[in-house]
């Protein structure tokens, strides 16, 4: 009886291992196929749309990093989801330019995020980071505040980092 239990256990273990291997293989294949189709869609983007009505693909451009994949296009001023959206020369949702070095006495807050922080469907200047900067400069005028919105719709934690 003990031998029969061992045989049944080995057969069941082999079946589970085969199913696990197949599951992993299918998932890897799906990830690779989706990555290739998304990359080809990014490469086939039309010329940069600087103004007018825009779709999400008009807002983004390919990034050479496999971890980032895409980023916001710089210097756009379009209508997206029925509201104005602008980006600066670095592709941040802002019409202000920010230097890498911060001026003395300036407190800088950088927002990393996805479509919520980006302000999906929210008019330019009304998204969270712009409102935060306005409130800080209004209520704490003894300091100068810079709030930078680096959020991009669709980003995940790895892309944000």
N, C-alpha and C. Protein backbone atom coordinates (compact mmCIF):
# COMPACT_ATOMS: atom_id res chain seq x y z
N UNK A 1 0.83 -1.20 0.00
CA UNK A 1 0.00 0.00 0.00
C UNK A 1 0.87 1.26 0.00
N UNK A 2 1.94 1.24 0.74
CA UNK A 2 2.84 2.37 0.83
C UNK A 2 3.45 2.70 -0.53
N UNK A 3 3.80 1.66 -1.31
CA UNK A 3 4.37 1.86 -2.65
C UNK A 3 3.35 2.49 -3.60
N UNK A 4 2.11 2.10 -3.47
CA UNK A 4 1.07 2.65 -4.32
C UNK A 4 0.87 4.15 -4.05
N UNK A 5 0.92 4.55 -2.77
CA UNK A 5 0.79 5.97 -2.43
C UNK A 5 1.95 6.77 -3.00
N UNK A 6 3.13 6.22 -2.95
CA UNK A 6 4.31 6.90 -3.51
C UNK A 6 4.15 7.06 -5.01
N UNK A 7 3.68 6.01 -5.70
CA UNK A 7 3.48 6.09 -7.16
C UNK A 7 2.42 7.15 -7.51
N UNK A 8 1.33 7.17 -6.77
CA UNK A 8 0.27 8.16 -7.02
C UNK A 8 0.81 9.57 -6.77
N UNK A 9 1.56 9.73 -5.69
CA UNK A 9 2.15 11.03 -5.39
C UNK A 9 3.10 11.47 -6.50
N UNK A 10 3.94 10.57 -7.00
CA UNK A 10 4.88 10.91 -8.07
C UNK A 10 4.15 11.27 -9.36
N UNK A 11 3.10 10.53 -9.67
CA UNK A 11 2.33 10.82 -10.89
C UNK A 11 1.65 12.19 -10.77
N UNK A 12 1.03 12.46 -9.63
CA UNK A 12 0.38 13.76 -9.42
C UNK A 12 1.40 14.90 -9.44
N UNK A 13 2.54 14.68 -8.84
CA UNK A 13 3.60 15.70 -8.85
C UNK A 13 4.07 16.00 -10.26
N UNK A 14 4.23 14.95 -11.07
CA UNK A 14 4.65 15.14 -12.45
C UNK A 14 3.59 15.91 -13.24
N UNK A 15 2.33 15.61 -13.02
CA UNK A 15 1.25 16.31 -13.72
C UNK A 15 1.24 17.79 -13.31
N UNK A 16 1.37 18.07 -12.02
CA UNK A 16 1.41 19.46 -11.55
C UNK A 16 2.61 20.19 -12.15
N UNK A 17 3.76 19.55 -12.19
CA UNK A 17 4.96 20.17 -12.75
C UNK A 17 4.78 20.49 -14.24
N UNK A 18 4.17 19.59 -14.99
CA UNK A 18 3.92 19.83 -16.42
C UNK A 18 2.97 21.01 -16.60
N UNK A 19 1.89 21.03 -15.82
CA UNK A 19 0.95 22.16 -15.92
C UNK A 19 1.61 23.48 -15.53
N UNK A 20 2.42 23.47 -14.49
CA UNK A 20 3.12 24.68 -14.06
C UNK A 20 4.07 25.16 -15.16
N UNK A 21 4.80 24.25 -15.77
CA UNK A 21 5.71 24.61 -16.86
C UNK A 21 4.92 25.21 -18.03
N UNK A 22 3.82 24.60 -18.39
CA UNK A 22 2.99 25.11 -19.50
C UNK A 22 2.44 26.50 -19.17
N UNK A 23 1.99 26.69 -17.95
CA UNK A 23 1.46 27.99 -17.53
C UNK A 23 2.53 29.07 -17.64
N UNK A 24 3.73 28.78 -17.16
CA UNK A 24 4.83 29.75 -17.22
C UNK A 24 5.19 30.04 -18.67
N UNK A 25 5.25 29.02 -19.50
CA UNK A 25 5.60 29.21 -20.92
C UNK A 25 4.56 30.09 -21.62
N UNK A 26 3.29 29.86 -21.37
CA UNK A 26 2.23 30.65 -22.00
C UNK A 26 2.31 32.11 -21.53
N UNK A 27 2.53 32.33 -20.24
CA UNK A 27 2.62 33.70 -19.72
C UNK A 27 3.81 34.45 -20.30
N UNK A 28 4.95 33.79 -20.39
CA UNK A 28 6.13 34.43 -20.98
C UNK A 28 5.85 34.78 -22.43
N UNK A 29 5.24 33.89 -23.16
CA UNK A 29 4.93 34.14 -24.58
C UNK A 29 4.00 35.34 -24.73
N UNK A 30 2.98 35.42 -23.89
CA UNK A 30 2.04 36.54 -23.95
C UNK A 30 2.74 37.86 -23.66
N UNK A 31 3.59 37.88 -22.64
CA UNK A 31 4.32 39.11 -22.30
C UNK A 31 5.20 39.54 -23.48
N UNK A 32 5.92 38.59 -24.07
CA UNK A 32 6.81 38.93 -25.19
C UNK A 32 6.02 39.41 -26.40
N UNK A 33 4.91 38.76 -26.71
CA UNK A 33 4.09 39.17 -27.85
C UNK A 33 3.51 40.56 -27.63
N UNK A 34 3.01 40.83 -26.42
CA UNK A 34 2.43 42.14 -26.13
C UNK A 34 3.49 43.23 -26.18
N UNK A 35 4.67 42.94 -25.65
CA UNK A 35 5.75 43.94 -25.66
C UNK A 35 6.12 44.28 -27.10
N UNK A 36 6.22 43.26 -27.95
CA UNK A 36 6.58 43.52 -29.34
C UNK A 36 5.51 44.31 -30.06
N UNK A 37 4.24 44.00 -29.85
CA UNK A 37 3.18 44.72 -30.54
C UNK A 37 3.08 46.15 -30.02
N UNK A 38 3.31 46.37 -28.72
CA UNK A 38 3.27 47.71 -28.18
C UNK A 38 4.45 48.53 -28.71
N UNK A 39 5.64 47.91 -28.75
CA UNK A 39 6.81 48.60 -29.28
C UNK A 39 6.61 48.96 -30.75
N UNK A 40 6.02 48.07 -31.54
CA UNK A 40 5.79 48.39 -32.94
C UNK A 40 4.75 49.50 -33.09
N UNK A 41 3.76 49.54 -32.20
CA UNK A 41 2.78 50.63 -32.23
C UNK A 41 3.45 51.96 -31.91
N UNK A 42 4.36 51.96 -30.93
CA UNK A 42 5.09 53.18 -30.60
C UNK A 42 5.96 53.65 -31.76
N UNK A 43 6.60 52.70 -32.44
CA UNK A 43 7.48 53.06 -33.55
C UNK A 43 6.71 53.60 -34.74
N UNK A 44 5.46 53.20 -34.86
CA UNK A 44 4.67 53.63 -36.01
C UNK A 44 3.90 54.93 -35.75
N UNK A 45 4.20 55.59 -34.63
CA UNK A 45 3.51 56.85 -34.33
C UNK A 45 3.78 57.88 -35.41
N UNK A 46 2.76 58.67 -35.67
CA UNK A 46 2.88 59.72 -36.67
C UNK A 46 3.73 60.87 -36.15
N UNK A 47 3.88 61.88 -36.95
CA UNK A 47 4.65 63.06 -36.56
C UNK A 47 4.06 63.66 -35.29
N UNK A 48 4.89 64.33 -34.54
CA UNK A 48 4.47 64.92 -33.27
C UNK A 48 3.33 65.91 -33.51
N UNK A 49 2.27 65.70 -32.78
CA UNK A 49 1.13 66.60 -32.87
C UNK A 49 1.32 67.67 -31.81
N UNK A 50 1.51 68.90 -32.21
CA UNK A 50 1.81 69.98 -31.27
C UNK A 50 0.56 70.68 -30.74
N UNK A 51 -0.55 70.57 -31.47
CA UNK A 51 -1.76 71.26 -31.01
C UNK A 51 -2.99 70.55 -31.57
N UNK A 52 -4.17 70.97 -31.11
CA UNK A 52 -5.43 70.40 -31.57
C UNK A 52 -5.87 69.23 -30.72
N UNK A 53 -6.87 68.47 -31.22
CA UNK A 53 -7.39 67.30 -30.53
C UNK A 53 -6.33 66.20 -30.52
N UNK A 54 -6.18 65.51 -29.41
CA UNK A 54 -5.16 64.48 -29.31
C UNK A 54 -5.71 63.23 -28.64
N UNK A 55 -5.18 62.09 -29.07
CA UNK A 55 -5.43 60.82 -28.41
C UNK A 55 -4.22 60.52 -27.53
N UNK A 56 -4.30 59.49 -26.70
CA UNK A 56 -3.19 59.15 -25.82
C UNK A 56 -1.90 58.92 -26.61
N UNK A 57 -1.99 58.23 -27.75
CA UNK A 57 -0.78 57.97 -28.55
C UNK A 57 -0.15 59.25 -29.08
N UNK A 58 -0.92 60.34 -29.15
CA UNK A 58 -0.34 61.62 -29.56
C UNK A 58 0.47 62.27 -28.43
N UNK A 59 0.22 61.84 -27.19
CA UNK A 59 0.90 62.43 -26.04
C UNK A 59 2.23 61.76 -25.71
N UNK A 60 2.43 60.54 -26.21
CA UNK A 60 3.60 59.77 -25.79
C UNK A 60 4.58 59.53 -26.93
N UNK A 61 5.81 59.20 -26.52
CA UNK A 61 6.84 58.81 -27.47
C UNK A 61 7.62 57.66 -26.85
N UNK A 62 8.28 56.91 -27.68
CA UNK A 62 9.07 55.78 -27.24
C UNK A 62 10.25 56.24 -26.40
N UNK A 63 10.61 55.44 -25.41
CA UNK A 63 11.81 55.69 -24.61
C UNK A 63 12.72 54.49 -24.81
N UNK A 64 14.02 54.69 -25.01
CA UNK A 64 14.90 53.57 -25.30
C UNK A 64 15.03 52.56 -24.15
N UNK A 65 14.69 52.96 -22.94
CA UNK A 65 14.81 52.04 -21.81
C UNK A 65 13.67 51.03 -21.81
N UNK A 66 14.00 49.76 -21.69
CA UNK A 66 12.98 48.71 -21.64
C UNK A 66 12.15 48.82 -20.37
N UNK A 67 12.71 49.44 -19.32
CA UNK A 67 11.96 49.59 -18.07
C UNK A 67 10.97 50.75 -18.12
N UNK A 68 11.28 51.78 -18.89
CA UNK A 68 10.39 52.93 -18.98
C UNK A 68 9.40 52.76 -20.14
N UNK A 69 9.84 52.29 -21.28
CA UNK A 69 9.05 51.99 -22.47
C UNK A 69 8.61 53.25 -23.21
N UNK A 70 7.87 54.14 -22.55
CA UNK A 70 7.40 55.37 -23.20
C UNK A 70 7.38 56.51 -22.20
N UNK A 71 7.26 57.73 -22.73
CA UNK A 71 7.24 58.94 -21.90
C UNK A 71 6.38 59.98 -22.61
N UNK A 72 6.06 61.05 -21.90
CA UNK A 72 5.30 62.13 -22.52
C UNK A 72 6.18 62.87 -23.52
N UNK A 73 5.57 63.31 -24.60
CA UNK A 73 6.30 64.10 -25.59
C UNK A 73 6.53 65.51 -25.05
N UNK A 74 7.67 66.09 -25.36
CA UNK A 74 7.93 67.46 -24.91
C UNK A 74 7.21 68.49 -25.78
N UNK A 75 6.96 69.65 -25.19
CA UNK A 75 6.46 70.83 -25.90
C UNK A 75 5.17 70.61 -26.69
N UNK A 76 4.20 69.98 -26.06
CA UNK A 76 2.91 69.85 -26.72
C UNK A 76 1.89 70.73 -26.01
N UNK A 77 0.90 71.17 -26.77
CA UNK A 77 -0.19 71.98 -26.25
C UNK A 77 -1.42 71.51 -27.01
N UNK A 78 -2.11 70.51 -26.45
CA UNK A 78 -3.21 69.84 -27.15
C UNK A 78 -4.45 69.80 -26.27
N UNK A 79 -5.52 69.36 -26.88
CA UNK A 79 -6.74 69.07 -26.14
C UNK A 79 -6.86 67.56 -26.06
N UNK A 80 -6.84 67.03 -24.83
CA UNK A 80 -6.91 65.59 -24.59
C UNK A 80 -8.05 65.31 -23.62
N UNK A 81 -8.93 64.42 -23.98
CA UNK A 81 -10.10 64.11 -23.17
C UNK A 81 -10.96 65.35 -22.93
N UNK A 82 -10.96 66.26 -23.89
CA UNK A 82 -11.79 67.45 -23.81
C UNK A 82 -11.21 68.58 -22.98
N UNK A 83 -9.96 68.44 -22.53
CA UNK A 83 -9.34 69.50 -21.71
C UNK A 83 -7.93 69.80 -22.23
N UNK A 84 -7.44 71.03 -22.00
CA UNK A 84 -6.10 71.36 -22.45
C UNK A 84 -5.02 70.62 -21.66
N UNK A 85 -3.99 70.15 -22.36
CA UNK A 85 -2.84 69.49 -21.75
C UNK A 85 -1.58 70.08 -22.39
N UNK A 86 -0.64 70.50 -21.54
CA UNK A 86 0.63 71.05 -22.04
C UNK A 86 1.79 70.32 -21.38
N UNK A 87 2.89 70.20 -22.13
CA UNK A 87 4.12 69.67 -21.55
C UNK A 87 5.25 70.66 -21.83
N UNK A 88 6.26 70.65 -20.95
CA UNK A 88 7.42 71.52 -21.15
C UNK A 88 8.48 70.79 -21.98
N UNK A 89 9.67 71.36 -22.06
CA UNK A 89 10.72 70.80 -22.91
C UNK A 89 11.23 69.45 -22.42
N UNK A 90 10.95 69.09 -21.18
CA UNK A 90 11.37 67.78 -20.65
C UNK A 90 10.23 66.77 -20.69
N UNK A 91 9.07 67.18 -21.18
CA UNK A 91 7.94 66.27 -21.26
C UNK A 91 7.17 66.16 -19.95
N UNK A 92 7.32 67.12 -19.05
CA UNK A 92 6.56 67.14 -17.81
C UNK A 92 5.28 67.93 -18.04
N UNK A 93 4.21 67.55 -17.39
CA UNK A 93 2.95 68.27 -17.56
C UNK A 93 3.05 69.62 -16.87
N UNK A 94 3.50 70.60 -17.64
CA UNK A 94 3.69 71.96 -17.12
C UNK A 94 4.03 72.86 -18.29
N UNK A 95 3.73 74.14 -18.14
CA UNK A 95 4.21 75.10 -19.12
C UNK A 95 5.42 75.86 -18.58
N UNK A 96 5.88 75.46 -17.38
CA UNK A 96 7.07 76.05 -16.78
C UNK A 96 8.28 75.17 -17.06
N UNK A 97 9.44 75.81 -17.16
CA UNK A 97 10.69 75.09 -17.30
C UNK A 97 11.36 75.00 -15.93
N UNK A 98 11.98 73.88 -15.65
CA UNK A 98 12.67 73.67 -14.38
C UNK A 98 14.13 73.34 -14.65
N UNK A 99 15.02 74.02 -13.93
CA UNK A 99 16.43 73.70 -14.07
C UNK A 99 16.74 72.49 -13.19
N UNK A 100 17.83 71.79 -13.52
CA UNK A 100 18.22 70.66 -12.69
C UNK A 100 18.64 71.13 -11.30
N UNK A 101 19.35 72.25 -11.25
CA UNK A 101 19.75 72.78 -9.94
C UNK A 101 18.65 73.72 -9.45
N UNK A 102 18.38 73.61 -8.19
CA UNK A 102 17.31 74.39 -7.58
C UNK A 102 17.91 75.64 -6.95
N UNK A 103 17.21 76.74 -7.09
CA UNK A 103 17.67 78.01 -6.51
C UNK A 103 17.61 77.94 -4.99
N UNK A 104 18.49 78.67 -4.31
CA UNK A 104 18.46 78.69 -2.84
C UNK A 104 17.11 79.20 -2.33
N UNK A 105 16.63 78.59 -1.27
CA UNK A 105 15.37 79.01 -0.67
C UNK A 105 14.13 78.42 -1.33
N UNK A 106 14.32 77.70 -2.41
CA UNK A 106 13.19 77.08 -3.11
C UNK A 106 13.00 75.67 -2.56
N UNK A 107 11.77 75.33 -2.27
CA UNK A 107 11.44 73.97 -1.86
C UNK A 107 10.79 73.29 -3.06
N UNK A 108 11.38 72.19 -3.48
CA UNK A 108 10.91 71.49 -4.68
C UNK A 108 10.28 70.16 -4.30
N UNK A 109 9.10 69.93 -4.85
CA UNK A 109 8.39 68.67 -4.68
C UNK A 109 8.22 68.07 -6.07
N UNK A 110 8.61 66.81 -6.21
CA UNK A 110 8.48 66.12 -7.50
C UNK A 110 7.46 65.01 -7.34
N UNK A 111 6.45 65.04 -8.18
CA UNK A 111 5.40 64.03 -8.14
C UNK A 111 5.64 62.96 -9.19
N UNK A 112 5.73 61.71 -8.74
CA UNK A 112 5.84 60.56 -9.63
C UNK A 112 4.51 59.85 -9.61
N UNK A 113 4.00 59.45 -10.76
CA UNK A 113 2.73 58.76 -10.72
C UNK A 113 2.22 58.33 -12.08
N UNK A 114 0.98 57.92 -12.09
CA UNK A 114 0.33 57.43 -13.30
C UNK A 114 -0.75 58.42 -13.73
N UNK A 115 -1.81 57.92 -14.35
CA UNK A 115 -2.83 58.79 -14.90
C UNK A 115 -3.56 59.63 -13.85
N UNK A 116 -3.66 59.12 -12.62
CA UNK A 116 -4.33 59.91 -11.56
C UNK A 116 -3.54 61.17 -11.25
N UNK A 117 -2.24 61.03 -11.02
CA UNK A 117 -1.42 62.20 -10.72
C UNK A 117 -1.25 63.07 -11.96
N UNK A 118 -1.15 62.45 -13.13
CA UNK A 118 -1.05 63.20 -14.38
C UNK A 118 -2.22 64.16 -14.51
N UNK A 119 -3.40 63.69 -14.11
CA UNK A 119 -4.61 64.51 -14.22
C UNK A 119 -5.40 64.13 -15.45
N UNK A 120 -5.69 62.85 -15.61
CA UNK A 120 -6.45 62.33 -16.75
C UNK A 120 -7.82 63.00 -16.79
N UNK A 121 -8.08 63.74 -17.84
CA UNK A 121 -9.36 64.42 -17.98
C UNK A 121 -9.47 65.71 -17.18
N UNK A 122 -8.36 66.16 -16.59
CA UNK A 122 -8.35 67.38 -15.78
C UNK A 122 -7.63 68.47 -16.56
N UNK A 123 -8.22 69.65 -16.61
CA UNK A 123 -7.66 70.76 -17.39
C UNK A 123 -6.28 71.16 -16.89
N UNK A 124 -5.49 71.70 -17.81
CA UNK A 124 -4.16 72.20 -17.48
C UNK A 124 -4.24 73.23 -16.36
N UNK A 125 -3.40 73.07 -15.35
CA UNK A 125 -3.40 73.98 -14.22
C UNK A 125 -4.36 73.59 -13.12
N UNK A 126 -5.20 72.61 -13.36
CA UNK A 126 -6.18 72.16 -12.36
C UNK A 126 -5.84 70.79 -11.80
N UNK A 127 -4.79 70.14 -12.34
CA UNK A 127 -4.41 68.82 -11.84
C UNK A 127 -3.78 68.97 -10.45
N UNK A 128 -3.71 67.89 -9.71
CA UNK A 128 -3.29 67.88 -8.30
C UNK A 128 -2.01 68.65 -8.04
N UNK A 129 -0.98 68.42 -8.83
CA UNK A 129 0.32 69.02 -8.56
C UNK A 129 0.29 70.54 -8.77
N UNK A 130 -0.44 71.02 -9.76
CA UNK A 130 -0.56 72.46 -9.98
C UNK A 130 -1.33 73.13 -8.85
N UNK A 131 -2.39 72.48 -8.42
CA UNK A 131 -3.18 73.01 -7.31
C UNK A 131 -2.34 73.03 -6.04
N UNK A 132 -1.57 71.97 -5.80
CA UNK A 132 -0.69 71.93 -4.63
C UNK A 132 0.31 73.08 -4.65
N UNK A 133 0.94 73.33 -5.79
CA UNK A 133 1.90 74.42 -5.89
C UNK A 133 1.24 75.77 -5.62
N UNK A 134 0.08 76.00 -6.19
CA UNK A 134 -0.65 77.26 -5.96
C UNK A 134 -0.98 77.45 -4.49
N UNK A 135 -1.49 76.40 -3.86
CA UNK A 135 -1.86 76.49 -2.45
C UNK A 135 -0.64 76.74 -1.55
N UNK A 136 0.46 76.05 -1.82
CA UNK A 136 1.66 76.23 -1.01
C UNK A 136 2.20 77.65 -1.15
N UNK A 137 2.27 78.14 -2.39
CA UNK A 137 2.79 79.50 -2.60
C UNK A 137 1.85 80.56 -2.02
N UNK A 138 0.56 80.28 -2.02
CA UNK A 138 -0.43 81.22 -1.47
C UNK A 138 -0.42 81.21 0.06
N UNK A 139 -0.37 80.03 0.65
CA UNK A 139 -0.49 79.91 2.11
C UNK A 139 0.84 79.96 2.86
N UNK A 140 1.93 79.74 2.16
CA UNK A 140 3.26 79.78 2.79
C UNK A 140 4.17 80.67 1.95
N UNK A 141 3.85 81.96 1.83
CA UNK A 141 4.59 82.84 0.92
C UNK A 141 6.03 83.14 1.37
N UNK A 142 6.39 82.79 2.61
CA UNK A 142 7.75 83.02 3.06
C UNK A 142 8.74 82.10 2.35
N UNK A 143 8.25 81.06 1.71
CA UNK A 143 9.07 80.13 0.92
C UNK A 143 8.61 80.17 -0.52
N UNK A 144 9.49 79.77 -1.41
CA UNK A 144 9.10 79.61 -2.81
C UNK A 144 9.00 78.11 -3.08
N UNK A 145 7.89 77.72 -3.65
CA UNK A 145 7.61 76.30 -3.88
C UNK A 145 7.61 76.00 -5.37
N UNK A 146 8.25 74.92 -5.76
CA UNK A 146 8.17 74.37 -7.11
C UNK A 146 7.64 72.95 -7.00
N UNK A 147 6.55 72.70 -7.68
CA UNK A 147 5.97 71.36 -7.68
C UNK A 147 5.99 70.86 -9.12
N UNK A 148 6.68 69.76 -9.34
CA UNK A 148 6.90 69.25 -10.70
C UNK A 148 6.10 67.96 -10.88
N UNK A 149 5.27 67.95 -11.91
CA UNK A 149 4.43 66.79 -12.21
C UNK A 149 5.12 65.96 -13.30
N UNK A 150 5.75 64.86 -12.89
CA UNK A 150 6.41 63.98 -13.86
C UNK A 150 5.55 62.76 -14.20
N UNK A 151 4.29 62.76 -13.78
CA UNK A 151 3.42 61.60 -13.98
C UNK A 151 3.11 61.38 -15.46
N UNK A 152 2.93 60.12 -15.81
CA UNK A 152 2.61 59.71 -17.18
C UNK A 152 1.48 58.68 -17.12
N UNK A 153 0.41 58.87 -17.90
CA UNK A 153 -0.67 57.87 -17.89
C UNK A 153 -0.16 56.47 -18.23
N UNK A 154 -0.63 55.51 -17.44
CA UNK A 154 -0.28 54.12 -17.70
C UNK A 154 0.99 53.64 -17.03
N UNK A 155 1.70 54.52 -16.36
CA UNK A 155 2.95 54.10 -15.70
C UNK A 155 2.64 53.18 -14.52
N UNK A 156 3.58 52.27 -14.25
CA UNK A 156 3.51 51.44 -13.07
C UNK A 156 4.69 51.79 -12.17
N UNK A 157 4.81 51.14 -11.05
CA UNK A 157 5.85 51.49 -10.08
C UNK A 157 7.25 51.39 -10.68
N UNK A 158 7.53 50.34 -11.42
CA UNK A 158 8.86 50.18 -12.01
C UNK A 158 9.18 51.31 -12.99
N UNK A 159 8.21 51.72 -13.78
CA UNK A 159 8.42 52.80 -14.74
C UNK A 159 8.63 54.12 -14.03
N UNK A 160 7.90 54.35 -12.95
CA UNK A 160 8.03 55.59 -12.19
C UNK A 160 9.41 55.72 -11.57
N UNK A 161 9.92 54.63 -11.01
CA UNK A 161 11.24 54.65 -10.38
C UNK A 161 12.29 54.90 -11.44
